[in-house]
């Protein structure tokens, strides 16, 4: 069963412009209550295309070239909180890891700020 903070591969996720469908790593950001109810899961996509400096909506996640033991990520990356998508759980190809507590807290704080600004 999916949990908040799980890093999963979502099948055929579109880019922010609604194009280029491909399997993409994402962080589940739905609350435990939302997950228990069922229905679509809220996820934020993970990108390896990183602007310098990172915008505030990009939260870096731990990685290691031989795959991080906790996140499963093997490239420099960031969760893009403004790239929030609701997906059906059947589109999860597999779980690859879990976001540690500190970056997950930051992701949730950035999502709150974006919502306060009227985004996503």
PDB file of N, CA and C in Angstrom:
ATOM      1  N   UNK A   1       0.837  -1.190   0.000  1.00  0.00           N
ATOM      2  CA  UNK A   1       0.000   0.000   0.000  1.00  0.00           C
ATOM      3  C   UNK A   1       0.875   1.244   0.000  1.00  0.00           C
ATOM      4  N   UNK A   2       0.448   2.245  -0.736  1.00  0.00           N
ATOM      5  CA  UNK A   2       1.190   3.493  -0.862  1.00  0.00           C
ATOM      6  C   UNK A   2       1.137   4.303   0.434  1.00  0.00           C
ATOM      7  N   UNK A   3       2.224   5.025   0.698  1.00  0.00           N
ATOM      8  CA  UNK A   3       2.310   5.894   1.869  1.00  0.00           C
ATOM      9  C   UNK A   3       2.825   7.258   1.455  1.00  0.00           C
ATOM     10  N   UNK A   4       2.472   8.278   2.233  1.00  0.00           N
ATOM     11  CA  UNK A   4       3.023   9.601   1.996  1.00  0.00           C
ATOM     12  C   UNK A   4       4.543   9.518   2.104  1.00  0.00           C
ATOM     13  N   UNK A   5       5.233  10.098   1.130  1.00  0.00           N
ATOM     14  CA  UNK A   5       6.686  10.077   1.113  1.00  0.00           C
ATOM     15  C   UNK A   5       7.286   8.965   0.279  1.00  0.00           C
ATOM     16  N   UNK A   6       6.478   8.000  -0.152  1.00  0.00           N
ATOM     17  CA  UNK A   6       7.001   6.955  -1.033  1.00  0.00           C
ATOM     18  C   UNK A   6       7.456   7.575  -2.349  1.00  0.00           C
ATOM     19  N   UNK A   7       8.573   7.099  -2.861  1.00  0.00           N
ATOM     20  CA  UNK A   7       9.035   7.480  -4.189  1.00  0.00           C
ATOM     21  C   UNK A   7       8.648   6.340  -5.115  1.00  0.00           C
ATOM     22  N   UNK A   8       7.837   6.676  -6.109  1.00  0.00           N
ATOM     23  CA  UNK A   8       7.285   5.664  -7.010  1.00  0.00           C
ATOM     24  C   UNK A   8       7.517   6.075  -8.455  1.00  0.00           C
ATOM     25  N   UNK A   9       7.473   5.088  -9.337  1.00  0.00           N
ATOM     26  CA  UNK A   9       7.523   5.351 -10.774  1.00  0.00           C
ATOM     27  C   UNK A   9       6.086   5.363 -11.284  1.00  0.00           C
ATOM     28  N   UNK A  10       5.686   6.493 -11.876  1.00  0.00           N
ATOM     29  CA  UNK A  10       4.343   6.645 -12.450  1.00  0.00           C
ATOM     30  C   UNK A  10       4.448   6.448 -13.957  1.00  0.00           C
ATOM     31  N   UNK A  11       3.606   5.600 -14.499  1.00  0.00           N
ATOM     32  CA  UNK A  11       3.606   5.280 -15.922  1.00  0.00           C
ATOM     33  C   UNK A  11       2.999   6.430 -16.726  1.00  0.00           C
ATOM     34  N   UNK A  12       3.689   6.817 -17.797  1.00  0.00           N
ATOM     35  CA  UNK A  12       3.207   7.800 -18.779  1.00  0.00           C
ATOM     36  C   UNK A  12       2.770   9.131 -18.169  1.00  0.00           C
ATOM     37  N   UNK A  13       3.568   9.679 -17.282  1.00  0.00           N
ATOM     38  CA  UNK A  13       3.261  10.988 -16.704  1.00  0.00           C
ATOM     39  C   UNK A  13       3.714  12.069 -17.676  1.00  0.00           C
ATOM     40  N   UNK A  14       2.847  13.034 -17.928  1.00  0.00           N
ATOM     41  CA  UNK A  14       3.164  14.137 -18.837  1.00  0.00           C
ATOM     42  C   UNK A  14       4.056  15.158 -18.140  1.00  0.00           C
ATOM     43  N   UNK A  15       4.816  15.909 -18.937  1.00  0.00           N
ATOM     44  CA  UNK A  15       5.626  16.983 -18.375  1.00  0.00           C
ATOM     45  C   UNK A  15       4.701  18.156 -17.997  1.00  0.00           C
ATOM     46  N   UNK A  16       5.228  19.209 -17.376  1.00  0.00           N
ATOM     47  CA  UNK A  16       4.354  20.317 -16.941  1.00  0.00           C
ATOM     48  C   UNK A  16       3.622  21.019 -18.085  1.00  0.00           C
ATOM     49  N   UNK A  17       4.117  20.873 -19.316  1.00  0.00           N
ATOM     50  CA  UNK A  17       3.445  21.484 -20.471  1.00  0.00           C
ATOM     51  C   UNK A  17       2.400  20.552 -21.088  1.00  0.00           C
ATOM     52  N   UNK A  18       2.183  19.386 -20.465  1.00  0.00           N
ATOM     53  CA  UNK A  18       1.182  18.446 -20.955  1.00  0.00           C
ATOM     54  C   UNK A  18       1.653  17.621 -22.140  1.00  0.00           C
ATOM     55  N   UNK A  19       2.973  17.475 -22.266  1.00  0.00           N
ATOM     56  CA  UNK A  19       3.541  16.709 -23.387  1.00  0.00           C
ATOM     57  C   UNK A  19       4.514  15.662 -22.849  1.00  0.00           C
ATOM     58  N   UNK A  20       5.159  14.952 -23.763  1.00  0.00           N
ATOM     59  CA  UNK A  20       6.260  14.044 -23.450  1.00  0.00           C
ATOM     60  C   UNK A  20       5.920  13.017 -22.369  1.00  0.00           C
ATOM     61  N   UNK A  21       4.924  12.159 -22.617  1.00  0.00           N
ATOM     62  CA  UNK A  21       4.604  11.136 -21.616  1.00  0.00           C
ATOM     63  C   UNK A  21       5.744  10.137 -21.460  1.00  0.00           C
ATOM     64  N   UNK A  22       6.122   9.882 -20.217  1.00  0.00           N
ATOM     65  CA  UNK A  22       7.122   8.849 -19.946  1.00  0.00           C
ATOM     66  C   UNK A  22       7.004   8.434 -18.488  1.00  0.00           C
ATOM     67  N   UNK A  23       7.619   7.318 -18.167  1.00  0.00           N
ATOM     68  CA  UNK A  23       7.616   6.845 -16.786  1.00  0.00           C
ATOM     69  C   UNK A  23       8.521   7.766 -15.970  1.00  0.00           C
ATOM     70  N   UNK A  24       7.972   8.350 -14.901  1.00  0.00           N
ATOM     71  CA  UNK A  24       8.701   9.342 -14.122  1.00  0.00           C
ATOM     72  C   UNK A  24       8.657   9.007 -12.637  1.00  0.00           C
ATOM     73  N   UNK A  25       9.754   9.315 -11.959  1.00  0.00           N
ATOM     74  CA  UNK A  25       9.802   9.172 -10.506  1.00  0.00           C
ATOM     75  C   UNK A  25       9.013  10.322  -9.880  1.00  0.00           C
ATOM     76  N   UNK A  26       8.239   9.991  -8.846  1.00  0.00           N
ATOM     77  CA  UNK A  26       7.407  10.973  -8.155  1.00  0.00           C
ATOM     78  C   UNK A  26       7.378  10.668  -6.660  1.00  0.00           C
ATOM     79  N   UNK A  27       7.041  11.684  -5.880  1.00  0.00           N
ATOM     80  CA  UNK A  27       6.855  11.522  -4.441  1.00  0.00           C
ATOM     81  C   UNK A  27       5.358  11.584  -4.157  1.00  0.00           C
ATOM     82  N   UNK A  28       4.840  10.606  -3.432  1.00  0.00           N
ATOM     83  CA  UNK A  28       3.432  10.653  -3.015  1.00  0.00           C
ATOM     84  C   UNK A  28       3.309  11.674  -1.897  1.00  0.00           C
ATOM     85  N   UNK A  29       2.429  12.668  -2.097  1.00  0.00           N
ATOM     86  CA  UNK A  29       2.227  13.721  -1.096  1.00  0.00           C
ATOM     87  C   UNK A  29       0.828  13.689  -0.487  1.00  0.00           C
ATOM     88  N   UNK A  30      -0.010  12.764  -0.932  1.00  0.00           N
ATOM     89  CA  UNK A  30      -1.333  12.603  -0.316  1.00  0.00           C
ATOM     90  C   UNK A  30      -1.159  12.306   1.167  1.00  0.00           C
ATOM     91  N   UNK A  31      -2.080  12.820   1.977  1.00  0.00           N
ATOM     92  CA  UNK A  31      -2.022  12.541   3.409  1.00  0.00           C
ATOM     93  C   UNK A  31      -2.446  11.097   3.659  1.00  0.00           C
ATOM     94  N   UNK A  32      -2.075  10.540   4.820  1.00  0.00           N
ATOM     95  CA  UNK A  32      -2.525   9.181   5.139  1.00  0.00           C
ATOM     96  C   UNK A  32      -4.052   9.054   5.088  1.00  0.00           C
ATOM     97  N   UNK A  33      -4.773  10.094   5.492  1.00  0.00           N
ATOM     98  CA  UNK A  33      -6.244  10.072   5.454  1.00  0.00           C
ATOM     99  C   UNK A  33      -6.744   9.991   4.020  1.00  0.00           C
ATOM    100  N   UNK A  34      -6.134  10.754   3.098  1.00  0.00           N
ATOM    101  CA  UNK A  34      -6.537  10.717   1.694  1.00  0.00           C
ATOM    102  C   UNK A  34      -6.248   9.345   1.083  1.00  0.00           C
ATOM    103  N   UNK A  35      -5.113   8.774   1.445  1.00  0.00           N
ATOM    104  CA  UNK A  35      -4.740   7.463   0.916  1.00  0.00           C
ATOM    105  C   UNK A  35      -5.718   6.398   1.405  1.00  0.00           C
ATOM    106  N   UNK A  36      -6.114   6.469   2.688  1.00  0.00           N
ATOM    107  CA  UNK A  36      -7.034   5.484   3.267  1.00  0.00           C
ATOM    108  C   UNK A  36      -8.392   5.514   2.578  1.00  0.00           C
ATOM    109  N   UNK A  37      -8.832   6.693   2.158  1.00  0.00           N
ATOM    110  CA  UNK A  37     -10.133   6.838   1.504  1.00  0.00           C
ATOM    111  C   UNK A  37     -10.117   6.218   0.112  1.00  0.00           C
ATOM    112  N   UNK A  38      -8.945   6.192  -0.519  1.00  0.00           N
ATOM    113  CA  UNK A  38      -8.849   5.692  -1.885  1.00  0.00           C
ATOM    114  C   UNK A  38      -8.994   6.827  -2.868  1.00  0.00           C
ATOM    115  N   UNK A  39      -9.092   6.501  -4.119  1.00  0.00           N
ATOM    116  CA  UNK A  39      -9.178   7.531  -5.144  1.00  0.00           C
ATOM    117  C   UNK A  39      -7.796   7.936  -5.615  1.00  0.00           C
ATOM    118  N   UNK A  40      -7.722   9.039  -6.372  1.00  0.00           N
ATOM    119  CA  UNK A  40      -6.436   9.466  -6.923  1.00  0.00           C
ATOM    120  C   UNK A  40      -5.428   9.827  -5.830  1.00  0.00           C
ATOM    121  N   UNK A  41      -4.164   9.625  -6.149  1.00  0.00           N
ATOM    122  CA  UNK A  41      -3.073  10.009  -5.258  1.00  0.00           C
ATOM    123  C   UNK A  41      -2.453  11.300  -5.771  1.00  0.00           C
ATOM    124  N   UNK A  42      -2.139  12.216  -4.866  1.00  0.00           N
ATOM    125  CA  UNK A  42      -1.410  13.423  -5.241  1.00  0.00           C
ATOM    126  C   UNK A  42       0.077  13.103  -5.211  1.00  0.00           C
ATOM    127  N   UNK A  43       0.771  13.441  -6.304  1.00  0.00           N
ATOM    128  CA  UNK A  43       2.209  13.211  -6.386  1.00  0.00           C
ATOM    129  C   UNK A  43       2.878  14.470  -6.925  1.00  0.00           C
ATOM    130  N   UNK A  44       4.144  14.666  -6.550  1.00  0.00           N
ATOM    131  CA  UNK A  44       4.970  15.689  -7.190  1.00  0.00           C
ATOM    132  C   UNK A  44       6.083  14.958  -7.931  1.00  0.00           C
ATOM    133  N   UNK A  45       6.348  15.428  -9.134  1.00  0.00           N
ATOM    134  CA  UNK A  45       7.358  14.778  -9.969  1.00  0.00           C
ATOM    135  C   UNK A  45       8.760  15.140  -9.492  1.00  0.00           C
ATOM    136  N   UNK A  46       9.682  14.241  -9.782  1.00  0.00           N
ATOM    137  CA  UNK A  46      11.097  14.439  -9.486  1.00  0.00           C
ATOM    138  C   UNK A  46      11.806  14.686 -10.810  1.00  0.00           C
ATOM    139  N   UNK A  47      12.652  15.715 -10.831  1.00  0.00           N
ATOM    140  CA  UNK A  47      13.413  16.027 -12.038  1.00  0.00           C
ATOM    141  C   UNK A  47      14.905  15.930 -11.779  1.00  0.00           C
ATOM    142  N   UNK A  48      15.642  15.625 -12.848  1.00  0.00           N
ATOM    143  CA  UNK A  48      17.100  15.671 -12.787  1.00  0.00           C
ATOM    144  C   UNK A  48      17.626  16.860 -13.587  1.00  0.00           C
ATOM    145  N   UNK A  49      16.722  17.635 -14.184  1.00  0.00           N
ATOM    146  CA  UNK A  49      17.087  18.863 -14.892  1.00  0.00           C
ATOM    147  C   UNK A  49      16.944  19.991 -13.883  1.00  0.00           C
ATOM    148  N   UNK A  50      18.092  20.454 -13.364  1.00  0.00           N
ATOM    149  CA  UNK A  50      18.077  21.375 -12.240  1.00  0.00           C
ATOM    150  C   UNK A  50      18.610  22.757 -12.608  1.00  0.00           C
ATOM    151  N   UNK A  51      17.765  23.788 -12.452  1.00  0.00           N
ATOM    152  CA  UNK A  51      18.260  25.138 -12.677  1.00  0.00           C
ATOM    153  C   UNK A  51      19.222  25.541 -11.553  1.00  0.00           C
ATOM    154  N   UNK A  52      20.081  26.514 -11.850  1.00  0.00           N
ATOM    155  CA  UNK A  52      21.022  27.013 -10.847  1.00  0.00           C
ATOM    156  C   UNK A  52      20.854  28.525 -10.763  1.00  0.00           C
ATOM    157  N   UNK A  53      20.398  29.041  -9.646  1.00  0.00           N
ATOM    158  CA  UNK A  53      20.094  28.343  -8.402  1.00  0.00           C
ATOM    159  C   UNK A  53      18.746  27.640  -8.472  1.00  0.00           C
ATOM    160  N   UNK A  54      18.524  26.707  -7.535  1.00  0.00           N
ATOM    161  CA  UNK A  54      17.248  25.994  -7.486  1.00  0.00           C
ATOM    162  C   UNK A  54      16.143  26.947  -7.050  1.00  0.00           C
ATOM    163  N   UNK A  55      15.010  26.954  -7.761  1.00  0.00           N
ATOM    164  CA  UNK A  55      13.864  27.746  -7.306  1.00  0.00           C
ATOM    165  C   UNK A  55      13.326  27.188  -5.987  1.00  0.00           C
ATOM    166  N   UNK A  56      12.556  27.993  -5.272  1.00  0.00           N
ATOM    167  CA  UNK A  56      12.059  27.561  -3.960  1.00  0.00           C
ATOM    168  C   UNK A  56      11.146  26.345  -4.046  1.00  0.00           C
ATOM    169  N   UNK A  57      10.527  26.098  -5.216  1.00  0.00           N
ATOM    170  CA  UNK A  57       9.604  24.960  -5.333  1.00  0.00           C
ATOM    171  C   UNK A  57      10.322  23.646  -5.631  1.00  0.00           C
ATOM    172  N   UNK A  58      11.649  23.674  -5.756  1.00  0.00           N
ATOM    173  CA  UNK A  58      12.458  22.479  -5.993  1.00  0.00           C
ATOM    174  C   UNK A  58      13.107  22.048  -4.670  1.00  0.00           C
ATOM    175  N   UNK A  59      12.791  20.838  -4.218  1.00  0.00           N
ATOM    176  CA  UNK A  59      13.358  20.318  -2.971  1.00  0.00           C
ATOM    177  C   UNK A  59      14.328  19.189  -3.318  1.00  0.00           C
ATOM    178  N   UNK A  60      15.631  19.395  -3.076  1.00  0.00           N
ATOM    179  CA  UNK A  60      16.601  18.343  -3.379  1.00  0.00           C
ATOM    180  C   UNK A  60      16.367  17.102  -2.512  1.00  0.00           C
ATOM    181  N   UNK A  61      16.575  15.951  -3.123  1.00  0.00           N
ATOM    182  CA  UNK A  61      16.415  14.679  -2.418  1.00  0.00           C
ATOM    183  C   UNK A  61      17.753  13.938  -2.413  1.00  0.00           C
ATOM    184  N   UNK A  62      18.011  13.142  -1.370  1.00  0.00           N
ATOM    185  CA  UNK A  62      19.273  12.397  -1.304  1.00  0.00           C
ATOM    186  C   UNK A  62      19.416  11.423  -2.474  1.00  0.00           C
ATOM    187  N   UNK A  63      20.642  11.311  -2.964  1.00  0.00           N
ATOM    188  CA  UNK A  63      20.933  10.397  -4.068  1.00  0.00           C
ATOM    189  C   UNK A  63      22.357   9.880  -3.916  1.00  0.00           C
ATOM    190  N   UNK A  64      22.662   8.834  -4.647  1.00  0.00           N
ATOM    191  CA  UNK A  64      24.007   8.264  -4.696  1.00  0.00           C
ATOM    192  C   UNK A  64      24.152   7.584  -6.053  1.00  0.00           C
ATOM    193  N   UNK A  65      25.336   7.666  -6.644  1.00  0.00           N
ATOM    194  CA  UNK A  65      25.552   7.105  -7.983  1.00  0.00           C
ATOM    195  C   UNK A  65      25.197   5.617  -8.073  1.00  0.00           C
ATOM    196  N   UNK A  66      25.348   4.871  -6.973  1.00  0.00           N
ATOM    197  CA  UNK A  66      24.974   3.455  -6.959  1.00  0.00           C
ATOM    198  C   UNK A  66      23.605   3.251  -6.322  1.00  0.00           C
ATOM    199  N   UNK A  67      22.752   4.229  -6.379  1.00  0.00           N
ATOM    200  CA  UNK A  67      21.401   4.270  -5.800  1.00  0.00           C
ATOM    201  C   UNK A  67      21.468   4.516  -4.299  1.00  0.00           C
ATOM    202  N   UNK A  68      20.804   5.547  -3.886  1.00  0.00           N
ATOM    203  CA  UNK A  68      20.739   5.886  -2.462  1.00  0.00           C
ATOM    204  C   UNK A  68      19.980   4.770  -1.748  1.00  0.00           C
ATOM    205  N   UNK A  69      20.472   4.312  -0.596  1.00  0.00           N
ATOM    206  CA  UNK A  69      19.823   3.175   0.075  1.00  0.00           C
ATOM    207  C   UNK A  69      18.398   3.445   0.523  1.00  0.00           C
ATOM    208  N   UNK A  70      18.057   4.699   0.771  1.00  0.00           N
ATOM    209  CA  UNK A  70      16.705   4.996   1.234  1.00  0.00           C
ATOM    210  C   UNK A  70      15.782   5.479   0.114  1.00  0.00           C
ATOM    211  N   UNK A  71      16.317   6.388  -0.741  1.00  0.00           N
ATOM    212  CA  UNK A  71      15.458   6.964  -1.788  1.00  0.00           C
ATOM    213  C   UNK A  71      15.453   6.146  -3.066  1.00  0.00           C
ATOM    214  N   UNK A  72      16.513   5.382  -3.310  1.00  0.00           N
ATOM    215  CA  UNK A  72      16.620   4.639  -4.565  1.00  0.00           C
ATOM    216  C   UNK A  72      17.028   5.507  -5.735  1.00  0.00           C
ATOM    217  N   UNK A  73      17.367   6.778  -5.491  1.00  0.00           N
ATOM    218  CA  UNK A  73      17.708   7.717  -6.566  1.00  0.00           C
ATOM    219  C   UNK A  73      19.208   7.688  -6.827  1.00  0.00           C
ATOM    220  N   UNK A  74      19.580   7.783  -8.133  1.00  0.00           N
ATOM    221  CA  UNK A  74      20.995   7.668  -8.489  1.00  0.00           C
ATOM    222  C   UNK A  74      21.549   8.865  -9.255  1.00  0.00           C
ATOM    223  N   UNK A  75      20.814   9.975  -9.261  1.00  0.00           N
ATOM    224  CA  UNK A  75      21.282  11.206  -9.914  1.00  0.00           C
ATOM    225  C   UNK A  75      20.869  12.396  -9.072  1.00  0.00           C
ATOM    226  N   UNK A  76      21.621  13.481  -9.219  1.00  0.00           N
ATOM    227  CA  UNK A  76      21.230  14.724  -8.570  1.00  0.00           C
ATOM    228  C   UNK A  76      19.822  15.063  -9.041  1.00  0.00           C
ATOM    229  N   UNK A  77      18.947  15.461  -8.116  1.00  0.00           N
ATOM    230  CA  UNK A  77      17.536  15.597  -8.452  1.00  0.00           C
ATOM    231  C   UNK A  77      16.843  16.558  -7.498  1.00  0.00           C
ATOM    232  N   UNK A  78      15.578  16.798  -7.777  1.00  0.00           N
ATOM    233  CA  UNK A  78      14.743  17.586  -6.869  1.00  0.00           C
ATOM    234  C   UNK A  78      13.278  17.248  -7.126  1.00  0.00           C
ATOM    235  N   UNK A  79      12.501  17.267  -6.043  1.00  0.00           N
ATOM    236  CA  UNK A  79      11.049  17.160  -6.160  1.00  0.00           C
ATOM    237  C   UNK A  79      10.539  18.542  -6.552  1.00  0.00           C
ATOM    238  N   UNK A  80       9.741  18.610  -7.602  1.00  0.00           N
ATOM    239  CA  UNK A  80       9.227  19.891  -8.102  1.00  0.00           C
ATOM    240  C   UNK A  80       7.807  20.065  -7.572  1.00  0.00           C
ATOM    241  N   UNK A  81       7.675  20.827  -6.502  1.00  0.00           N
ATOM    242  CA  UNK A  81       6.389  20.935  -5.803  1.00  0.00           C
ATOM    243  C   UNK A  81       5.310  21.611  -6.637  1.00  0.00           C
ATOM    244  N   UNK A  82       5.690  22.433  -7.603  1.00  0.00           N
ATOM    245  CA  UNK A  82       4.696  23.055  -8.481  1.00  0.00           C
ATOM    246  C   UNK A  82       4.225  22.087  -9.572  1.00  0.00           C
ATOM    247  N   UNK A  83       4.849  20.930  -9.685  1.00  0.00           N
ATOM    248  CA  UNK A  83       4.462  19.893 -10.650  1.00  0.00           C
ATOM    249  C   UNK A  83       3.664  18.834  -9.888  1.00  0.00           C
ATOM    250  N   UNK A  84       2.506  19.243  -9.417  1.00  0.00           N
ATOM    251  CA  UNK A  84       1.612  18.413  -8.611  1.00  0.00           C
ATOM    252  C   UNK A  84       0.562  17.794  -9.521  1.00  0.00           C
ATOM    253  N   UNK A  85       0.414  16.479  -9.429  1.00  0.00           N
ATOM    254  CA  UNK A  85      -0.499  15.752 -10.310  1.00  0.00           C
ATOM    255  C   UNK A  85      -1.297  14.744  -9.481  1.00  0.00           C
ATOM    256  N   UNK A  86      -2.576  14.593  -9.799  1.00  0.00           N
ATOM    257  CA  UNK A  86      -3.401  13.531  -9.203  1.00  0.00           C
ATOM    258  C   UNK A  86      -3.385  12.346 -10.168  1.00  0.00           C
ATOM    259  N   UNK A  87      -3.000  11.178  -9.664  1.00  0.00           N
ATOM    260  CA  UNK A  87      -2.911   9.981 -10.505  1.00  0.00           C
ATOM    261  C   UNK A  87      -3.620   8.816  -9.836  1.00  0.00           C
ATOM    262  N   UNK A  88      -4.121   7.929 -10.652  1.00  0.00           N
ATOM    263  CA  UNK A  88      -4.722   6.705 -10.140  1.00  0.00           C
ATOM    264  C   UNK A  88      -3.609   5.779  -9.661  1.00  0.00           C
ATOM    265  N   UNK A  89      -3.830   5.116  -8.551  1.00  0.00           N
ATOM    266  CA  UNK A  89      -2.822   4.217  -7.976  1.00  0.00           C
ATOM    267  C   UNK A  89      -2.419   3.105  -8.940  1.00  0.00           C
ATOM    268  N   UNK A  90      -3.285   2.760  -9.896  1.00  0.00           N
ATOM    269  CA  UNK A  90      -2.956   1.706 -10.858  1.00  0.00           C
ATOM    270  C   UNK A  90      -1.824   2.130 -11.795  1.00  0.00           C
ATOM    271  N   UNK A  91      -1.487   3.430 -11.831  1.00  0.00           N
ATOM    272  CA  UNK A  91      -0.392   3.910 -12.689  1.00  0.00           C
ATOM    273  C   UNK A  91       0.972   3.791 -12.022  1.00  0.00           C
ATOM    274  N   UNK A  92       0.998   3.328 -10.776  1.00  0.00           N
ATOM    275  CA  UNK A  92       2.284   3.123 -10.106  1.00  0.00           C
ATOM    276  C   UNK A  92       2.897   1.826 -10.644  1.00  0.00           C
ATOM    277  N   UNK A  93       4.063   1.955 -11.285  1.00  0.00           N
ATOM    278  CA  UNK A  93       4.758   0.775 -11.805  1.00  0.00           C
ATOM    279  C   UNK A  93       5.468   0.039 -10.677  1.00  0.00           C
ATOM    280  N   UNK A  94       6.097   0.827  -9.771  1.00  0.00           N
ATOM    281  CA  UNK A  94       6.810   0.233  -8.641  1.00  0.00           C
ATOM    282  C   UNK A  94       7.247   1.321  -7.674  1.00  0.00           C
ATOM    283  N   UNK A  95       7.515   0.905  -6.460  1.00  0.00           N
ATOM    284  CA  UNK A  95       8.079   1.799  -5.448  1.00  0.00           C
ATOM    285  C   UNK A  95       9.588   1.628  -5.502  1.00  0.00           C
ATOM    286  N   UNK A  96      10.330   2.760  -5.478  1.00  0.00           N
ATOM    287  CA  UNK A  96      11.793   2.654  -5.505  1.00  0.00           C
ATOM    288  C   UNK A  96      12.435   3.116  -4.202  1.00  0.00           C
ATOM    289  N   UNK A  97      11.677   3.837  -3.357  1.00  0.00           N
ATOM    290  CA  UNK A  97      12.267   4.313  -2.116  1.00  0.00           C
ATOM    291  C   UNK A  97      11.299   5.160  -1.320  1.00  0.00           C
ATOM    292  N   UNK A  98      11.857   5.897  -0.368  1.00  0.00           N
ATOM    293  CA  UNK A  98      11.048   6.745   0.508  1.00  0.00           C
ATOM    294  C   UNK A  98      11.853   8.003   0.836  1.00  0.00           C
ATOM    295  N   UNK A  99      11.172   9.140   0.876  1.00  0.00           N
ATOM    296  CA  UNK A  99      11.812  10.413   1.191  1.00  0.00           C
ATOM    297  C   UNK A  99      12.066  10.488   2.697  1.00  0.00           C
ATOM    298  N   UNK A 100      13.284  10.837   3.103  1.00  0.00           N
ATOM    299  CA  UNK A 100      13.552  11.024   4.528  1.00  0.00           C
ATOM    300  C   UNK A 100      12.698  12.159   5.113  1.00  0.00           C
ATOM    301  N   UNK A 101      12.588  12.174   6.419  1.00  0.00           N
ATOM    302  CA  UNK A 101      11.690  13.084   7.138  1.00  0.00           C
ATOM    303  C   UNK A 101      11.923  14.560   6.802  1.00  0.00           C
ATOM    304  N   UNK A 102      13.169  15.028   6.855  1.00  0.00           N
ATOM    305  CA  UNK A 102      13.434  16.461   6.662  1.00  0.00           C
ATOM    306  C   UNK A 102      13.026  16.960   5.279  1.00  0.00           C
ATOM    307  N   UNK A 103      13.433  16.301   4.172  1.00  0.00           N
ATOM    308  CA  UNK A 103      12.960  16.798   2.876  1.00  0.00           C
ATOM    309  C   UNK A 103      11.444  16.647   2.696  1.00  0.00           C
ATOM    310  N   UNK A 104      10.832  15.637   3.314  1.00  0.00           N
ATOM    311  CA  UNK A 104       9.378  15.488   3.203  1.00  0.00           C
ATOM    312  C   UNK A 104       8.670  16.649   3.899  1.00  0.00           C
ATOM    313  N   UNK A 105       9.181  17.065   5.045  1.00  0.00           N
ATOM    314  CA  UNK A 105       8.614  18.234   5.733  1.00  0.00           C
ATOM    315  C   UNK A 105       8.742  19.465   4.843  1.00  0.00           C
ATOM    316  N   UNK A 106       9.908  19.640   4.206  1.00  0.00           N
ATOM    317  CA  UNK A 106      10.111  20.796   3.321  1.00  0.00           C
ATOM    318  C   UNK A 106       9.156  20.749   2.129  1.00  0.00           C
ATOM    319  N   UNK A 107       8.959  19.569   1.540  1.00  0.00           N
ATOM    320  CA  UNK A 107       8.013  19.434   0.421  1.00  0.00           C
ATOM    321  C   UNK A 107       6.620  19.889   0.869  1.00  0.00           C
ATOM    322  N   UNK A 108       6.174  19.424   2.026  1.00  0.00           N
ATOM    323  CA  UNK A 108       4.846  19.800   2.515  1.00  0.00           C
ATOM    324  C   UNK A 108       4.752  21.295   2.802  1.00  0.00           C
ATOM    325  N   UNK A 109       5.823  21.906   3.317  1.00  0.00           N
ATOM    326  CA  UNK A 109       5.816  23.357   3.557  1.00  0.00           C
ATOM    327  C   UNK A 109       5.736  24.139   2.253  1.00  0.00           C
ATOM    328  N   UNK A 110       6.495  23.713   1.252  1.00  0.00           N
ATOM    329  CA  UNK A 110       6.448  24.384  -0.050  1.00  0.00           C
ATOM    330  C   UNK A 110       5.064  24.229  -0.671  1.00  0.00           C
ATOM    331  N   UNK A 111       4.459  23.048  -0.563  1.00  0.00           N
ATOM    332  CA  UNK A 111       3.094  22.862  -1.089  1.00  0.00           C
ATOM    333  C   UNK A 111       2.110  23.801  -0.400  1.00  0.00           C
ATOM    334  N   UNK A 112       2.243  23.976   0.923  1.00  0.00           N
ATOM    335  CA  UNK A 112       1.375  24.910   1.642  1.00  0.00           C
ATOM    336  C   UNK A 112       1.560  26.335   1.133  1.00  0.00           C
ATOM    337  N   UNK A 113       2.807  26.756   0.913  1.00  0.00           N
ATOM    338  CA  UNK A 113       3.074  28.096   0.390  1.00  0.00           C
ATOM    339  C   UNK A 113       2.476  28.279  -1.004  1.00  0.00           C
ATOM    340  N   UNK A 114       2.630  27.267  -1.840  1.00  0.00           N
ATOM    341  CA  UNK A 114       2.066  27.346  -3.200  1.00  0.00           C
ATOM    342  C   UNK A 114       0.543  27.446  -3.159  1.00  0.00           C
ATOM    343  N   UNK A 115      -0.085  26.676  -2.276  1.00  0.00           N
ATOM    344  CA  UNK A 115      -1.547  26.741  -2.157  1.00  0.00           C
ATOM    345  C   UNK A 115      -1.984  28.128  -1.664  1.00  0.00           C
ATOM    346  N   UNK A 116      -1.218  28.696  -0.719  1.00  0.00           N
ATOM    347  CA  UNK A 116      -1.544  30.027  -0.199  1.00  0.00           C
ATOM    348  C   UNK A 116      -1.438  31.082  -1.303  1.00  0.00           C
ATOM    349  N   UNK A 117      -0.565  30.843  -2.281  1.00  0.00           N
ATOM    350  CA  UNK A 117      -0.406  31.761  -3.416  1.00  0.00           C
ATOM    351  C   UNK A 117      -1.395  31.457  -4.540  1.00  0.00           C
ATOM    352  N   UNK A 118      -2.258  30.453  -4.338  1.00  0.00           N
ATOM    353  CA  UNK A 118      -3.249  30.112  -5.357  1.00  0.00           C
ATOM    354  C   UNK A 118      -2.759  29.122  -6.393  1.00  0.00           C
ATOM    355  N   UNK A 119      -1.608  28.490  -6.151  1.00  0.00           N
ATOM    356  CA  UNK A 119      -1.094  27.446  -7.030  1.00  0.00           C
ATOM    357  C   UNK A 119      -1.261  26.136  -6.327  1.00  0.00           C
ATOM    358  N   UNK A 120      -0.845  25.088  -6.878  1.00  0.00           N
ATOM    359  CA  UNK A 120      -1.690  24.202  -7.651  1.00  0.00           C
ATOM    360  C   UNK A 120      -2.988  23.931  -6.981  1.00  0.00           C
TER     361      UNK A 120
END
